[in-house]
Amino acid sequence: MRSLVHERREPGELFGPRFSLFADMLAVGLAATVASLPLITAPTALAAASAVLRRAIREDRPVTLGEYVAEFRAHGPLSSLLAGVTVFAALTLVVLDLTLARAGLPGARPVSWALTALAAMGVVLALRAAADPEAARGWRPALRRAATRSVADPAGCALIAAAVGLCVAFLWMLPLLAPLLPGPLAFAITAVELRTEPPSDEG
């Protein structure tokens, strides 16, 4: 894909389409943060953010709040809750296992490293599933497709892991950025998925 956004600036326009996309990304990040406040809705909030950013990139048009709300509702409340509960239950289990592994038990260090690697792979897989354009039709098929893409595209997994690491670093350096971070993260995983898709017919 030659470019995620076509450069087209009207006469007298101060900022080009790339700046508009950047502003949309931050606005979507704020919307996703609000939608994630119940915590268990976080996976769906990120999936909706990825969906609207995908359309904004593909169709070169701005994002609206109504579009984000519609996309969030399209994933369905029940499946959203189940996905959120599953994610947080898995994270809780990993944290507990890491705590026990670091409690001075024999073999604690290799177990800790193994669990950390497992958690990282799980996060990348979940993010790729959230970026699936068909995630609204079901999380299980989206996870299966994400696993297939991860095997076929390990470089994409590395890029997503790097994006997560950068978000964590930004959060550590400046916690005030937290409400905006879901936007850049959704944009990153969406860009990773789009780079392996065939270009649109628009040129």
N, C-alpha and C. Protein backbone atom coordinates (compact mmCIF):
# COMPACT_ATOMS: atom_id res chain seq x y z
N MET A 1 0.85 -1.18 0.00
CA MET A 1 0.00 0.00 0.00
C MET A 1 0.89 1.23 0.00
N ARG A 2 0.72 2.08 -0.96
CA ARG A 2 1.65 3.19 -1.12
C ARG A 2 1.51 4.22 -0.02
N SER A 3 0.29 4.49 0.40
CA SER A 3 0.09 5.52 1.42
C SER A 3 -1.21 5.25 2.13
N LEU A 4 -1.23 5.49 3.44
CA LEU A 4 -2.45 5.29 4.19
C LEU A 4 -3.46 6.40 3.91
N VAL A 5 -2.99 7.57 3.60
CA VAL A 5 -3.88 8.71 3.37
C VAL A 5 -3.39 9.45 2.13
N HIS A 6 -4.30 9.78 1.24
CA HIS A 6 -3.92 10.57 0.07
C HIS A 6 -3.68 12.01 0.48
N GLU A 7 -2.60 12.59 -0.03
CA GLU A 7 -2.33 13.99 0.24
C GLU A 7 -3.17 14.85 -0.69
N ARG A 8 -4.13 15.55 -0.13
CA ARG A 8 -4.98 16.42 -0.92
C ARG A 8 -5.33 17.63 -0.07
N ARG A 9 -4.82 18.78 -0.43
CA ARG A 9 -5.04 19.98 0.36
C ARG A 9 -5.75 21.03 -0.47
N GLU A 10 -6.85 21.54 0.07
CA GLU A 10 -7.61 22.56 -0.63
C GLU A 10 -6.88 23.90 -0.55
N PRO A 11 -7.13 24.82 -1.52
CA PRO A 11 -6.51 26.14 -1.46
C PRO A 11 -6.85 26.87 -0.18
N GLY A 12 -5.83 27.38 0.49
CA GLY A 12 -6.04 28.09 1.74
C GLY A 12 -6.10 27.20 2.96
N GLU A 13 -6.04 25.89 2.77
CA GLU A 13 -6.10 24.96 3.90
C GLU A 13 -4.73 24.92 4.58
N LEU A 14 -4.72 25.12 5.90
CA LEU A 14 -3.47 25.16 6.64
C LEU A 14 -2.90 23.78 6.89
N PHE A 15 -3.78 22.84 7.15
CA PHE A 15 -3.33 21.49 7.48
C PHE A 15 -3.89 20.50 6.48
N GLY A 16 -3.05 19.53 6.10
CA GLY A 16 -3.47 18.52 5.14
C GLY A 16 -4.24 17.39 5.79
N PRO A 17 -4.62 16.37 4.97
CA PRO A 17 -5.39 15.25 5.47
C PRO A 17 -4.70 14.48 6.59
N ARG A 18 -3.37 14.46 6.57
CA ARG A 18 -2.66 13.70 7.61
C ARG A 18 -2.90 14.32 8.99
N PHE A 19 -2.97 15.66 9.05
CA PHE A 19 -3.25 16.29 10.34
C PHE A 19 -4.68 16.00 10.77
N SER A 20 -5.61 15.98 9.82
CA SER A 20 -7.00 15.65 10.14
C SER A 20 -7.11 14.24 10.69
N LEU A 21 -6.37 13.32 10.08
CA LEU A 21 -6.37 11.94 10.57
C LEU A 21 -5.78 11.86 11.97
N PHE A 22 -4.73 12.65 12.21
CA PHE A 22 -4.13 12.68 13.54
C PHE A 22 -5.14 13.19 14.58
N ALA A 23 -5.88 14.25 14.23
CA ALA A 23 -6.88 14.77 15.14
C ALA A 23 -7.99 13.75 15.38
N ASP A 24 -8.42 13.06 14.31
CA ASP A 24 -9.44 12.02 14.45
C ASP A 24 -8.94 10.90 15.36
N MET A 25 -7.66 10.54 15.21
CA MET A 25 -7.08 9.49 16.04
C MET A 25 -7.15 9.85 17.52
N LEU A 26 -6.83 11.10 17.86
CA LEU A 26 -6.89 11.53 19.25
C LEU A 26 -8.33 11.57 19.76
N ALA A 27 -9.26 12.03 18.90
CA ALA A 27 -10.66 12.08 19.29
C ALA A 27 -11.21 10.67 19.52
N VAL A 28 -10.83 9.75 18.65
CA VAL A 28 -11.26 8.36 18.83
C VAL A 28 -10.66 7.78 20.11
N GLY A 29 -9.42 8.18 20.41
CA GLY A 29 -8.81 7.72 21.66
C GLY A 29 -9.59 8.17 22.88
N LEU A 30 -10.04 9.41 22.87
CA LEU A 30 -10.85 9.90 23.99
C LEU A 30 -12.17 9.14 24.09
N ALA A 31 -12.82 8.91 22.94
CA ALA A 31 -14.08 8.18 22.94
C ALA A 31 -13.88 6.75 23.46
N ALA A 32 -12.78 6.12 23.04
CA ALA A 32 -12.50 4.76 23.50
C ALA A 32 -12.21 4.73 24.99
N THR A 33 -11.56 5.76 25.50
CA THR A 33 -11.28 5.83 26.94
C THR A 33 -12.58 5.92 27.74
N VAL A 34 -13.49 6.76 27.28
CA VAL A 34 -14.80 6.89 27.96
C VAL A 34 -15.55 5.56 27.89
N ALA A 35 -15.54 4.93 26.72
CA ALA A 35 -16.25 3.65 26.57
C ALA A 35 -15.60 2.54 27.38
N SER A 36 -14.33 2.72 27.75
CA SER A 36 -13.61 1.69 28.51
C SER A 36 -13.72 1.87 30.02
N LEU A 37 -14.41 2.90 30.48
CA LEU A 37 -14.47 3.17 31.91
C LEU A 37 -15.01 2.00 32.73
N PRO A 38 -16.00 1.24 32.21
CA PRO A 38 -16.41 0.04 32.98
C PRO A 38 -15.36 -1.07 32.99
N LEU A 39 -14.24 -0.87 32.32
CA LEU A 39 -13.10 -1.80 32.23
C LEU A 39 -13.41 -3.02 31.37
N ILE A 40 -14.48 -3.73 31.64
CA ILE A 40 -14.75 -4.94 30.86
C ILE A 40 -15.20 -4.61 29.44
N THR A 41 -15.49 -3.36 29.17
CA THR A 41 -15.84 -2.96 27.80
C THR A 41 -14.62 -2.51 27.00
N ALA A 42 -13.45 -2.56 27.60
CA ALA A 42 -12.24 -2.08 26.93
C ALA A 42 -11.96 -2.79 25.60
N PRO A 43 -12.07 -4.13 25.50
CA PRO A 43 -11.81 -4.77 24.20
C PRO A 43 -12.73 -4.26 23.10
N THR A 44 -14.01 -4.10 23.43
CA THR A 44 -14.96 -3.61 22.43
C THR A 44 -14.69 -2.17 22.07
N ALA A 45 -14.31 -1.35 23.06
CA ALA A 45 -14.00 0.05 22.79
C ALA A 45 -12.83 0.16 21.82
N LEU A 46 -11.82 -0.67 22.01
CA LEU A 46 -10.66 -0.65 21.12
C LEU A 46 -11.02 -1.18 19.74
N ALA A 47 -11.86 -2.22 19.69
CA ALA A 47 -12.28 -2.76 18.40
C ALA A 47 -13.08 -1.73 17.61
N ALA A 48 -13.95 -0.99 18.29
CA ALA A 48 -14.72 0.06 17.62
C ALA A 48 -13.80 1.17 17.12
N ALA A 49 -12.81 1.52 17.92
CA ALA A 49 -11.85 2.54 17.49
C ALA A 49 -11.10 2.10 16.25
N SER A 50 -10.68 0.85 16.23
CA SER A 50 -9.96 0.32 15.07
C SER A 50 -10.85 0.32 13.83
N ALA A 51 -12.13 -0.02 14.01
CA ALA A 51 -13.05 -0.09 12.87
C ALA A 51 -13.26 1.28 12.24
N VAL A 52 -13.49 2.30 13.06
CA VAL A 52 -13.74 3.63 12.49
C VAL A 52 -12.47 4.23 11.89
N LEU A 53 -11.32 3.94 12.49
CA LEU A 53 -10.07 4.43 11.91
C LEU A 53 -9.75 3.71 10.60
N ARG A 54 -10.10 2.45 10.52
CA ARG A 54 -9.90 1.70 9.27
C ARG A 54 -10.69 2.35 8.14
N ARG A 55 -11.95 2.69 8.42
CA ARG A 55 -12.77 3.32 7.38
C ARG A 55 -12.25 4.71 7.03
N ALA A 56 -11.79 5.44 8.07
CA ALA A 56 -11.25 6.77 7.81
C ALA A 56 -10.04 6.70 6.89
N ILE A 57 -9.19 5.69 7.09
CA ILE A 57 -8.00 5.53 6.27
C ILE A 57 -8.37 5.06 4.86
N ARG A 58 -9.23 4.04 4.80
CA ARG A 58 -9.59 3.46 3.52
C ARG A 58 -10.36 4.44 2.64
N GLU A 59 -11.30 5.16 3.24
CA GLU A 59 -12.20 6.03 2.48
C GLU A 59 -11.79 7.49 2.52
N ASP A 60 -10.71 7.79 3.26
CA ASP A 60 -10.18 9.15 3.32
C ASP A 60 -11.27 10.16 3.71
N ARG A 61 -11.91 9.92 4.84
CA ARG A 61 -12.95 10.81 5.32
C ARG A 61 -12.85 10.94 6.83
N PRO A 62 -13.43 12.00 7.41
CA PRO A 62 -13.31 12.20 8.85
C PRO A 62 -14.17 11.23 9.65
N VAL A 63 -13.82 11.09 10.92
CA VAL A 63 -14.56 10.23 11.84
C VAL A 63 -15.57 11.06 12.61
N THR A 64 -16.73 10.48 12.88
CA THR A 64 -17.74 11.17 13.68
C THR A 64 -18.01 10.37 14.95
N LEU A 65 -18.49 11.07 15.98
CA LEU A 65 -18.81 10.41 17.24
C LEU A 65 -19.95 9.41 17.05
N GLY A 66 -20.93 9.78 16.23
CA GLY A 66 -22.04 8.87 15.97
C GLY A 66 -21.58 7.58 15.33
N GLU A 67 -20.58 7.68 14.46
CA GLU A 67 -20.05 6.49 13.81
C GLU A 67 -19.36 5.58 14.84
N TYR A 68 -18.64 6.19 15.77
CA TYR A 68 -17.98 5.38 16.79
C TYR A 68 -19.01 4.69 17.69
N VAL A 69 -20.04 5.43 18.10
CA VAL A 69 -21.08 4.85 18.96
C VAL A 69 -21.79 3.70 18.24
N ALA A 70 -22.09 3.90 16.95
CA ALA A 70 -22.75 2.85 16.18
C ALA A 70 -21.87 1.61 16.08
N GLU A 71 -20.57 1.83 15.88
CA GLU A 71 -19.65 0.70 15.78
C GLU A 71 -19.54 -0.03 17.12
N PHE A 72 -19.53 0.74 18.21
CA PHE A 72 -19.46 0.13 19.54
C PHE A 72 -20.69 -0.74 19.79
N ARG A 73 -21.86 -0.23 19.42
CA ARG A 73 -23.09 -1.00 19.62
C ARG A 73 -23.15 -2.22 18.72
N ALA A 74 -22.52 -2.14 17.56
CA ALA A 74 -22.59 -3.24 16.60
C ALA A 74 -21.94 -4.51 17.13
N HIS A 75 -21.03 -4.37 18.09
CA HIS A 75 -20.36 -5.55 18.63
C HIS A 75 -21.24 -6.32 19.61
N GLY A 76 -22.34 -5.72 20.05
CA GLY A 76 -23.27 -6.41 20.92
C GLY A 76 -22.85 -6.38 22.38
N PRO A 77 -23.76 -6.05 23.28
CA PRO A 77 -23.40 -5.92 24.70
C PRO A 77 -22.95 -7.23 25.34
N LEU A 78 -23.62 -8.34 25.00
CA LEU A 78 -23.28 -9.61 25.65
C LEU A 78 -21.89 -10.08 25.26
N SER A 79 -21.60 -10.09 23.97
CA SER A 79 -20.28 -10.54 23.53
C SER A 79 -19.19 -9.60 24.04
N SER A 80 -19.53 -8.31 24.15
CA SER A 80 -18.56 -7.35 24.67
C SER A 80 -18.21 -7.67 26.11
N LEU A 81 -19.23 -7.93 26.91
CA LEU A 81 -18.99 -8.24 28.32
C LEU A 81 -18.20 -9.53 28.47
N LEU A 82 -18.55 -10.53 27.67
CA LEU A 82 -17.83 -11.81 27.77
C LEU A 82 -16.37 -11.64 27.37
N ALA A 83 -16.13 -10.87 26.31
CA ALA A 83 -14.74 -10.63 25.88
C ALA A 83 -13.97 -9.89 26.96
N GLY A 84 -14.59 -8.86 27.54
CA GLY A 84 -13.91 -8.10 28.59
C GLY A 84 -13.62 -8.92 29.82
N VAL A 85 -14.59 -9.71 30.25
CA VAL A 85 -14.38 -10.56 31.43
C VAL A 85 -13.27 -11.57 31.17
N THR A 86 -13.26 -12.14 29.97
CA THR A 86 -12.22 -13.12 29.63
C THR A 86 -10.83 -12.49 29.65
N VAL A 87 -10.70 -11.30 29.07
CA VAL A 87 -9.41 -10.62 29.04
C VAL A 87 -8.91 -10.30 30.44
N PHE A 88 -9.78 -9.74 31.27
CA PHE A 88 -9.34 -9.35 32.61
C PHE A 88 -9.12 -10.57 33.51
N ALA A 89 -9.87 -11.63 33.29
CA ALA A 89 -9.62 -12.86 34.05
C ALA A 89 -8.25 -13.43 33.69
N ALA A 90 -7.92 -13.40 32.39
CA ALA A 90 -6.61 -13.89 31.95
C ALA A 90 -5.49 -13.03 32.51
N LEU A 91 -5.67 -11.71 32.49
CA LEU A 91 -4.64 -10.82 33.04
C LEU A 91 -4.46 -11.04 34.53
N THR A 92 -5.57 -11.22 35.25
CA THR A 92 -5.48 -11.47 36.69
C THR A 92 -4.73 -12.76 36.98
N LEU A 93 -5.02 -13.79 36.18
CA LEU A 93 -4.34 -15.07 36.37
C LEU A 93 -2.84 -14.94 36.12
N VAL A 94 -2.48 -14.21 35.07
CA VAL A 94 -1.06 -14.03 34.76
C VAL A 94 -0.36 -13.26 35.87
N VAL A 95 -1.00 -12.20 36.38
CA VAL A 95 -0.41 -11.41 37.47
C VAL A 95 -0.22 -12.27 38.72
N LEU A 96 -1.21 -13.08 39.04
CA LEU A 96 -1.09 -13.96 40.21
C LEU A 96 0.04 -14.97 40.02
N ASP A 97 0.12 -15.52 38.81
CA ASP A 97 1.18 -16.50 38.54
C ASP A 97 2.56 -15.85 38.63
N LEU A 98 2.68 -14.62 38.10
CA LEU A 98 3.96 -13.93 38.18
C LEU A 98 4.32 -13.62 39.63
N THR A 99 3.33 -13.26 40.43
CA THR A 99 3.59 -12.99 41.85
C THR A 99 4.10 -14.23 42.56
N LEU A 100 3.47 -15.37 42.29
CA LEU A 100 3.91 -16.62 42.90
C LEU A 100 5.29 -17.03 42.39
N ALA A 101 5.54 -16.78 41.08
CA ALA A 101 6.82 -17.17 40.50
C ALA A 101 7.97 -16.38 41.10
N ARG A 102 7.69 -15.16 41.55
CA ARG A 102 8.73 -14.30 42.11
C ARG A 102 8.79 -14.38 43.64
N ALA A 103 8.11 -15.35 44.20
CA ALA A 103 8.07 -15.46 45.66
C ALA A 103 9.22 -16.28 46.21
N GLY A 104 10.24 -16.53 45.41
CA GLY A 104 11.41 -17.27 45.88
C GLY A 104 11.29 -18.76 45.72
N LEU A 105 10.33 -19.23 44.95
CA LEU A 105 10.18 -20.66 44.75
C LEU A 105 11.24 -21.17 43.78
N PRO A 106 11.58 -22.45 43.84
CA PRO A 106 12.57 -23.00 42.91
C PRO A 106 12.10 -22.86 41.46
N GLY A 107 12.99 -22.43 40.59
CA GLY A 107 12.64 -22.24 39.19
C GLY A 107 11.78 -21.03 38.93
N ALA A 108 11.77 -20.08 39.86
CA ALA A 108 10.89 -18.92 39.72
C ALA A 108 11.26 -18.06 38.52
N ARG A 109 12.55 -17.88 38.27
CA ARG A 109 12.96 -16.98 37.19
C ARG A 109 12.52 -17.49 35.81
N PRO A 110 12.80 -18.74 35.43
CA PRO A 110 12.33 -19.19 34.09
C PRO A 110 10.81 -19.19 33.97
N VAL A 111 10.12 -19.51 35.08
CA VAL A 111 8.66 -19.47 35.04
C VAL A 111 8.17 -18.05 34.82
N SER A 112 8.83 -17.09 35.48
CA SER A 112 8.45 -15.69 35.33
C SER A 112 8.64 -15.22 33.89
N TRP A 113 9.79 -15.57 33.29
CA TRP A 113 10.03 -15.19 31.90
C TRP A 113 9.04 -15.84 30.96
N ALA A 114 8.73 -17.11 31.19
CA ALA A 114 7.78 -17.82 30.34
C ALA A 114 6.39 -17.20 30.42
N LEU A 115 5.96 -16.85 31.63
CA LEU A 115 4.64 -16.23 31.79
C LEU A 115 4.59 -14.84 31.17
N THR A 116 5.69 -14.11 31.28
CA THR A 116 5.73 -12.78 30.66
C THR A 116 5.62 -12.89 29.14
N ALA A 117 6.34 -13.86 28.56
CA ALA A 117 6.27 -14.06 27.11
C ALA A 117 4.87 -14.50 26.70
N LEU A 118 4.26 -15.37 27.51
CA LEU A 118 2.90 -15.83 27.22
C LEU A 118 1.91 -14.68 27.28
N ALA A 119 2.07 -13.82 28.28
CA ALA A 119 1.18 -12.67 28.42
C ALA A 119 1.34 -11.72 27.23
N ALA A 120 2.58 -11.49 26.79
CA ALA A 120 2.83 -10.61 25.64
C ALA A 120 2.19 -11.17 24.38
N MET A 121 2.31 -12.48 24.17
CA MET A 121 1.69 -13.08 22.99
C MET A 121 0.18 -12.98 23.06
N GLY A 122 -0.37 -13.15 24.26
CA GLY A 122 -1.81 -13.04 24.43
C GLY A 122 -2.31 -11.63 24.13
N VAL A 123 -1.56 -10.62 24.57
CA VAL A 123 -1.94 -9.23 24.31
C VAL A 123 -1.92 -8.94 22.82
N VAL A 124 -0.86 -9.37 22.14
CA VAL A 124 -0.75 -9.14 20.69
C VAL A 124 -1.89 -9.84 19.95
N LEU A 125 -2.19 -11.07 20.34
CA LEU A 125 -3.27 -11.81 19.70
C LEU A 125 -4.61 -11.11 19.90
N ALA A 126 -4.86 -10.64 21.13
CA ALA A 126 -6.12 -9.94 21.42
C ALA A 126 -6.23 -8.64 20.62
N LEU A 127 -5.12 -7.93 20.48
CA LEU A 127 -5.14 -6.68 19.72
C LEU A 127 -5.38 -6.93 18.23
N ARG A 128 -4.79 -7.98 17.70
CA ARG A 128 -5.02 -8.30 16.29
C ARG A 128 -6.46 -8.73 16.08
N ALA A 129 -7.05 -9.40 17.07
CA ALA A 129 -8.46 -9.77 16.96
C ALA A 129 -9.34 -8.53 17.01
N ALA A 130 -8.98 -7.56 17.85
CA ALA A 130 -9.75 -6.32 17.94
C ALA A 130 -9.70 -5.55 16.63
N ALA A 131 -8.59 -5.65 15.90
CA ALA A 131 -8.45 -4.94 14.63
C ALA A 131 -9.09 -5.68 13.47
N ASP A 132 -9.62 -6.86 13.71
CA ASP A 132 -10.26 -7.63 12.65
C ASP A 132 -11.51 -6.90 12.17
N PRO A 133 -11.67 -6.66 10.87
CA PRO A 133 -12.85 -5.94 10.38
C PRO A 133 -14.16 -6.68 10.62
N GLU A 134 -14.08 -7.98 10.89
CA GLU A 134 -15.28 -8.76 11.14
C GLU A 134 -15.44 -9.11 12.62
N ALA A 135 -14.76 -8.39 13.48
CA ALA A 135 -14.82 -8.70 14.91
C ALA A 135 -16.23 -8.54 15.47
N ALA A 136 -17.04 -7.66 14.89
CA ALA A 136 -18.40 -7.44 15.37
C ALA A 136 -19.27 -8.68 15.20
N ARG A 137 -18.88 -9.58 14.32
CA ARG A 137 -19.68 -10.79 14.08
C ARG A 137 -19.34 -11.91 15.06
N GLY A 138 -18.31 -11.73 15.86
CA GLY A 138 -17.96 -12.75 16.83
C GLY A 138 -16.49 -12.70 17.18
N TRP A 139 -16.19 -12.79 18.49
CA TRP A 139 -14.81 -12.70 18.94
C TRP A 139 -14.03 -13.99 18.70
N ARG A 140 -14.70 -15.13 18.80
CA ARG A 140 -13.98 -16.39 18.60
C ARG A 140 -13.44 -16.53 17.18
N PRO A 141 -14.26 -16.30 16.15
CA PRO A 141 -13.69 -16.34 14.79
C PRO A 141 -12.61 -15.28 14.60
N ALA A 142 -12.79 -14.12 15.22
CA ALA A 142 -11.78 -13.06 15.08
C ALA A 142 -10.46 -13.50 15.71
N LEU A 143 -10.54 -14.19 16.83
CA LEU A 143 -9.32 -14.70 17.47
C LEU A 143 -8.64 -15.76 16.61
N ARG A 144 -9.44 -16.62 15.99
CA ARG A 144 -8.85 -17.64 15.12
C ARG A 144 -8.15 -16.99 13.92
N ARG A 145 -8.80 -16.01 13.33
CA ARG A 145 -8.17 -15.31 12.20
C ARG A 145 -6.92 -14.55 12.64
N ALA A 146 -6.99 -13.98 13.85
CA ALA A 146 -5.83 -13.26 14.37
C ALA A 146 -4.65 -14.22 14.58
N ALA A 147 -4.95 -15.43 15.07
CA ALA A 147 -3.88 -16.41 15.27
C ALA A 147 -3.26 -16.81 13.93
N THR A 148 -4.10 -16.97 12.91
CA THR A 148 -3.59 -17.31 11.58
C THR A 148 -2.71 -16.20 11.03
N ARG A 149 -3.17 -14.95 11.18
CA ARG A 149 -2.37 -13.82 10.69
C ARG A 149 -1.06 -13.69 11.47
N SER A 150 -1.11 -13.99 12.76
CA SER A 150 0.10 -13.88 13.58
C SER A 150 1.16 -14.87 13.14
N VAL A 151 0.73 -16.08 12.79
CA VAL A 151 1.68 -17.09 12.32
C VAL A 151 2.26 -16.68 10.97
N ALA A 152 1.41 -16.13 10.10
CA ALA A 152 1.86 -15.75 8.77
C ALA A 152 2.62 -14.42 8.75
N ASP A 153 2.44 -13.61 9.78
CA ASP A 153 3.04 -12.27 9.80
C ASP A 153 3.68 -11.99 11.16
N PRO A 154 4.77 -12.67 11.49
CA PRO A 154 5.42 -12.41 12.78
C PRO A 154 5.97 -10.99 12.90
N ALA A 155 6.33 -10.39 11.76
CA ALA A 155 6.81 -9.00 11.81
C ALA A 155 5.71 -8.07 12.30
N GLY A 156 4.47 -8.34 11.90
CA GLY A 156 3.35 -7.56 12.38
C GLY A 156 3.17 -7.68 13.88
N CYS A 157 3.38 -8.89 14.40
CA CYS A 157 3.29 -9.09 15.85
C CYS A 157 4.35 -8.27 16.57
N ALA A 158 5.56 -8.24 16.00
CA ALA A 158 6.64 -7.44 16.60
C ALA A 158 6.29 -5.96 16.59
N LEU A 159 5.69 -5.49 15.50
CA LEU A 159 5.30 -4.08 15.40
C LEU A 159 4.23 -3.74 16.44
N ILE A 160 3.26 -4.61 16.61
CA ILE A 160 2.20 -4.36 17.60
C ILE A 160 2.77 -4.38 19.01
N ALA A 161 3.67 -5.34 19.28
CA ALA A 161 4.31 -5.38 20.59
C ALA A 161 5.10 -4.10 20.85
N ALA A 162 5.77 -3.59 19.82
CA ALA A 162 6.51 -2.33 19.97
C ALA A 162 5.55 -1.17 20.25
N ALA A 163 4.40 -1.17 19.58
CA ALA A 163 3.40 -0.11 19.83
C ALA A 163 2.90 -0.15 21.26
N VAL A 164 2.65 -1.35 21.76
CA VAL A 164 2.22 -1.49 23.15
C VAL A 164 3.31 -1.00 24.10
N GLY A 165 4.56 -1.38 23.80
CA GLY A 165 5.67 -0.92 24.64
C GLY A 165 5.80 0.59 24.66
N LEU A 166 5.61 1.23 23.50
CA LEU A 166 5.67 2.69 23.44
C LEU A 166 4.54 3.32 24.25
N CYS A 167 3.35 2.76 24.15
CA CYS A 167 2.23 3.28 24.93
C CYS A 167 2.50 3.17 26.43
N VAL A 168 3.06 2.04 26.84
CA VAL A 168 3.40 1.87 28.26
C VAL A 168 4.47 2.88 28.67
N ALA A 169 5.45 3.10 27.81
CA ALA A 169 6.51 4.07 28.12
C ALA A 169 5.94 5.49 28.24
N PHE A 170 5.06 5.86 27.30
CA PHE A 170 4.43 7.18 27.37
C PHE A 170 3.60 7.33 28.63
N LEU A 171 2.88 6.26 28.98
CA LEU A 171 2.06 6.30 30.19
C LEU A 171 2.92 6.45 31.44
N TRP A 172 4.06 5.79 31.44
CA TRP A 172 4.97 5.88 32.59
C TRP A 172 5.60 7.27 32.69
N MET A 173 5.96 7.84 31.54
CA MET A 173 6.61 9.15 31.54
C MET A 173 5.63 10.28 31.81
N LEU A 174 4.42 10.15 31.26
CA LEU A 174 3.44 11.23 31.39
C LEU A 174 2.05 10.63 31.52
N PRO A 175 1.62 10.30 32.75
CA PRO A 175 0.32 9.66 32.96
C PRO A 175 -0.86 10.46 32.42
N LEU A 176 -0.69 11.78 32.25
CA LEU A 176 -1.79 12.60 31.73
C LEU A 176 -2.17 12.23 30.30
N LEU A 177 -1.29 11.51 29.62
CA LEU A 177 -1.57 11.09 28.25
C LEU A 177 -2.52 9.89 28.20
N ALA A 178 -2.82 9.29 29.33
CA ALA A 178 -3.60 8.06 29.36
C ALA A 178 -4.91 8.14 28.57
N PRO A 179 -5.70 9.21 28.68
CA PRO A 179 -6.97 9.25 27.93
C PRO A 179 -6.80 9.25 26.42
N LEU A 180 -5.62 9.63 25.92
CA LEU A 180 -5.41 9.71 24.48
C LEU A 180 -4.79 8.45 23.90
N LEU A 181 -4.19 7.62 24.71
CA LEU A 181 -3.40 6.49 24.21
C LEU A 181 -4.19 5.43 23.44
N PRO A 182 -5.47 5.16 23.78
CA PRO A 182 -6.19 4.17 22.97
C PRO A 182 -6.26 4.52 21.49
N GLY A 183 -6.28 5.82 21.16
CA GLY A 183 -6.32 6.22 19.77
C GLY A 183 -5.07 5.82 19.00
N PRO A 184 -3.88 6.24 19.46
CA PRO A 184 -2.66 5.81 18.77
C PRO A 184 -2.49 4.30 18.74
N LEU A 185 -2.89 3.61 19.81
CA LEU A 185 -2.75 2.16 19.83
C LEU A 185 -3.66 1.52 18.78
N ALA A 186 -4.92 1.99 18.71
CA ALA A 186 -5.85 1.47 17.69
C ALA A 186 -5.34 1.77 16.29
N PHE A 187 -4.79 2.97 16.11
CA PHE A 187 -4.25 3.33 14.80
C PHE A 187 -3.07 2.43 14.43
N ALA A 188 -2.23 2.14 15.41
CA ALA A 188 -1.05 1.30 15.14
C ALA A 188 -1.44 -0.10 14.71
N ILE A 189 -2.35 -0.73 15.45
CA ILE A 189 -2.72 -2.10 15.09
C ILE A 189 -3.50 -2.13 13.77
N THR A 190 -4.27 -1.07 13.52
CA THR A 190 -5.00 -1.00 12.25
C THR A 190 -4.02 -0.84 11.08
N ALA A 191 -3.01 0.00 11.25
CA ALA A 191 -2.01 0.19 10.20
C ALA A 191 -1.23 -1.10 9.94
N VAL A 192 -0.95 -1.84 11.00
CA VAL A 192 -0.24 -3.12 10.83
C VAL A 192 -1.07 -4.09 10.00
N GLU A 193 -2.37 -4.14 10.26
CA GLU A 193 -3.23 -5.05 9.51
C GLU A 193 -3.41 -4.57 8.07
N LEU A 194 -3.54 -3.27 7.87
CA LEU A 194 -3.77 -2.74 6.52
C LEU A 194 -2.56 -2.91 5.62
N ARG A 195 -1.38 -2.99 6.20
CA ARG A 195 -0.17 -3.05 5.37
C ARG A 195 -0.08 -4.36 4.60
N THR A 196 -0.78 -5.40 5.04
CA THR A 196 -0.76 -6.69 4.36
C THR A 196 -2.00 -6.89 3.50
N GLU A 197 -2.92 -5.92 3.52
CA GLU A 197 -4.13 -6.05 2.70
C GLU A 197 -3.90 -5.42 1.34
N PRO A 198 -4.61 -5.90 0.32
CA PRO A 198 -4.44 -5.29 -1.01
C PRO A 198 -4.95 -3.85 -1.00
N PRO A 199 -4.32 -2.97 -1.78
CA PRO A 199 -4.76 -1.57 -1.81
C PRO A 199 -6.15 -1.43 -2.38
N SER A 200 -6.82 -0.35 -1.98
CA SER A 200 -8.15 -0.09 -2.53
C SER A 200 -8.05 0.31 -3.99
N ASP A 201 -9.19 0.33 -4.65
CA ASP A 201 -9.21 0.62 -6.08
C ASP A 201 -9.12 2.09 -6.39
N GLU A 202 -8.95 2.94 -5.34
CA GLU A 202 -8.98 4.37 -5.55
C GLU A 202 -7.66 4.92 -6.07
N GLY A 203 -6.79 4.23 -6.48
CA GLY A 203 -5.58 4.91 -6.94
C GLY A 203 -4.41 4.53 -6.17
